[in-house]
Amino acid sequence: MTPQDHRVVVLGASPKPARYANQAIRLLREQGYHVIPVHPRYREIEGLAVANGLQAVTGPAHTLTLYVGPQRSAPLVDAITDLRPGRVIFNPGTESLELERRLEQADIPAFHGCTLVMLRTGTF
């Protein structure tokens, strides 16, 4: 699968350039990935239309990369498993045992890593 065919959902997207989620959006785009930012309050981030929730994401999600902590992801567990992403990346600080258990039950692979590091080292 080429980057252009790989759809990456960024949960916890931010318009603030200093935030890791924003940096990931920019680097994903630079590398040619199809990026779908998700945030309930913004309409556009880095020139991309923002989905106001996971239920607004249509089509396949090959990767879901998390930039929300466990307290924010807890009410989204069903929406995350309903999305059926090909994999979920838990960036540092987003770890959630509850979500990991549910992903395992749903047979959705989960990884602990940093999307930015993975992109920069060719392991994404």
Protein backbone atom coordinates (compact mmCIF):
# COMPACT_ATOMS: atom_id res chain seq x y z
CA MET A 1 0.00 0.00 0.00
CA THR A 2 1.40 3.37 -0.96
CA PRO A 3 1.15 6.33 1.43
CA GLN A 4 -1.48 7.93 -0.85
CA ASP A 5 -3.71 4.86 -0.35
CA HIS A 6 -3.11 4.75 3.42
CA ARG A 7 -5.76 6.65 5.37
CA VAL A 8 -4.60 7.89 8.77
CA VAL A 9 -7.10 9.16 11.33
CA VAL A 10 -5.57 11.53 13.89
CA LEU A 11 -7.70 11.52 17.04
CA GLY A 12 -6.98 14.63 19.10
CA ALA A 13 -5.86 16.74 16.15
CA SER A 14 -4.70 20.25 17.01
CA PRO A 15 -4.28 23.46 15.03
CA LYS A 16 -1.39 24.49 17.30
CA PRO A 17 1.94 23.90 15.50
CA ALA A 18 3.80 23.08 18.73
CA ARG A 19 1.48 20.15 19.50
CA TYR A 20 2.65 16.68 18.53
CA ALA A 21 -0.68 15.91 16.88
CA ASN A 22 -0.24 18.90 14.58
CA GLN A 23 3.34 17.94 13.82
CA ALA A 24 2.16 14.43 12.97
CA ILE A 25 -0.50 15.79 10.61
CA ARG A 26 2.09 17.89 8.80
CA LEU A 27 4.65 15.07 8.55
CA LEU A 28 2.03 12.55 7.42
CA ARG A 29 0.96 14.94 4.66
CA GLU A 30 4.57 15.64 3.66
CA GLN A 31 5.08 11.89 3.26
CA GLY A 32 1.94 11.58 1.12
CA TYR A 33 -0.51 9.98 3.55
CA HIS A 34 -4.24 10.70 3.38
CA VAL A 35 -4.90 12.37 6.75
CA ILE A 36 -8.23 12.75 8.53
CA PRO A 37 -7.99 14.99 11.61
CA VAL A 38 -10.63 14.43 14.30
CA HIS A 39 -11.56 17.06 16.88
CA PRO A 40 -15.00 18.12 18.14
CA ARG A 41 -14.39 21.89 17.98
CA TYR A 42 -12.40 22.67 14.84
CA ARG A 43 -13.55 22.75 11.21
CA GLU A 44 -10.13 22.91 9.56
CA ILE A 45 -6.58 22.05 10.60
CA GLU A 46 -3.58 22.49 8.31
CA GLY A 47 -5.92 23.02 5.36
CA LEU A 48 -7.77 19.73 5.99
CA ALA A 49 -11.44 19.35 6.81
CA VAL A 50 -11.83 18.08 10.37
CA ALA A 51 -14.23 15.28 11.32
CA ASN A 52 -16.06 16.37 14.46
CA GLY A 53 -16.05 12.79 15.77
CA LEU A 54 -15.07 9.27 14.78
CA GLN A 55 -18.62 8.60 13.59
CA ALA A 56 -18.05 11.26 10.90
CA VAL A 57 -15.12 9.33 9.39
CA THR A 58 -16.27 7.50 6.28
CA GLY A 59 -14.34 4.92 4.35
CA PRO A 60 -11.51 2.76 5.62
CA ALA A 61 -9.19 3.84 8.40
CA HIS A 62 -5.91 2.02 7.94
CA THR A 63 -4.32 3.63 11.00
CA LEU A 64 -5.80 5.46 13.98
CA THR A 65 -3.14 7.41 15.84
CA LEU A 66 -4.13 8.61 19.31
CA TYR A 67 -3.32 12.02 20.72
CA VAL A 68 -5.83 11.97 23.58
CA GLY A 69 -5.22 10.64 27.06
CA PRO A 70 -7.10 7.69 28.57
CA GLN A 71 -9.64 9.95 30.30
CA ARG A 72 -10.69 11.33 26.89
CA SER A 73 -10.50 8.04 25.02
CA ALA A 74 -12.58 6.10 27.59
CA PRO A 75 -15.95 7.42 26.31
CA LEU A 76 -14.78 6.78 22.72
CA VAL A 77 -13.97 3.07 23.06
CA ASP A 78 -17.10 1.95 21.20
CA ALA A 79 -16.59 4.54 18.45
CA ILE A 80 -12.96 3.44 18.05
CA THR A 81 -13.86 -0.25 17.76
CA ASP A 82 -16.80 0.60 15.45
CA LEU A 83 -14.38 2.44 13.16
CA ARG A 84 -12.46 -0.86 12.75
CA PRO A 85 -9.07 0.72 12.03
CA GLY A 86 -6.40 -1.56 10.64
CA ARG A 87 -4.25 -0.65 13.63
CA VAL A 88 -4.15 1.79 16.54
CA ILE A 89 -1.02 3.63 17.61
CA PHE A 90 -0.84 4.67 21.26
CA ASN A 91 1.46 7.68 21.29
CA PRO A 92 3.22 8.40 24.61
CA GLY A 93 0.71 9.46 27.25
CA THR A 94 -2.30 7.91 25.50
CA GLU A 95 -1.99 4.41 26.94
CA SER A 96 -5.28 2.88 28.10
CA LEU A 97 -5.64 -0.68 29.38
CA GLU A 98 -9.40 -0.55 28.86
CA LEU A 99 -9.05 0.49 25.23
CA GLU A 100 -6.27 -2.04 24.61
CA ARG A 101 -8.45 -4.85 25.98
CA ARG A 102 -11.35 -3.84 23.76
CA LEU A 103 -9.09 -3.60 20.72
CA GLU A 104 -7.76 -7.07 21.43
CA GLN A 105 -11.31 -8.44 21.76
CA ALA A 106 -12.17 -6.80 18.42
CA ASP A 107 -9.00 -8.24 16.82
CA ILE A 108 -7.62 -4.75 16.07
CA PRO A 109 -3.82 -4.56 16.39
CA ALA A 110 -2.49 -1.95 18.83
CA PHE A 111 1.03 -0.56 19.07
CA HIS A 112 2.85 1.64 21.55
CA GLY A 113 5.03 4.08 19.71
CA CYS A 114 5.48 7.62 18.55
CA THR A 115 4.00 8.39 15.16
CA LEU A 116 6.59 11.12 14.58
CA VAL A 117 9.50 8.79 15.32
CA MET A 118 7.96 6.02 13.22
CA LEU A 119 7.56 8.38 10.26
CA ARG A 120 11.10 9.72 10.59
CA THR A 121 12.63 6.25 10.82
CA GLY A 122 10.60 4.62 8.07
CA THR A 123 8.79 2.24 10.43
CA PHE A 124 5.32 3.72 10.08
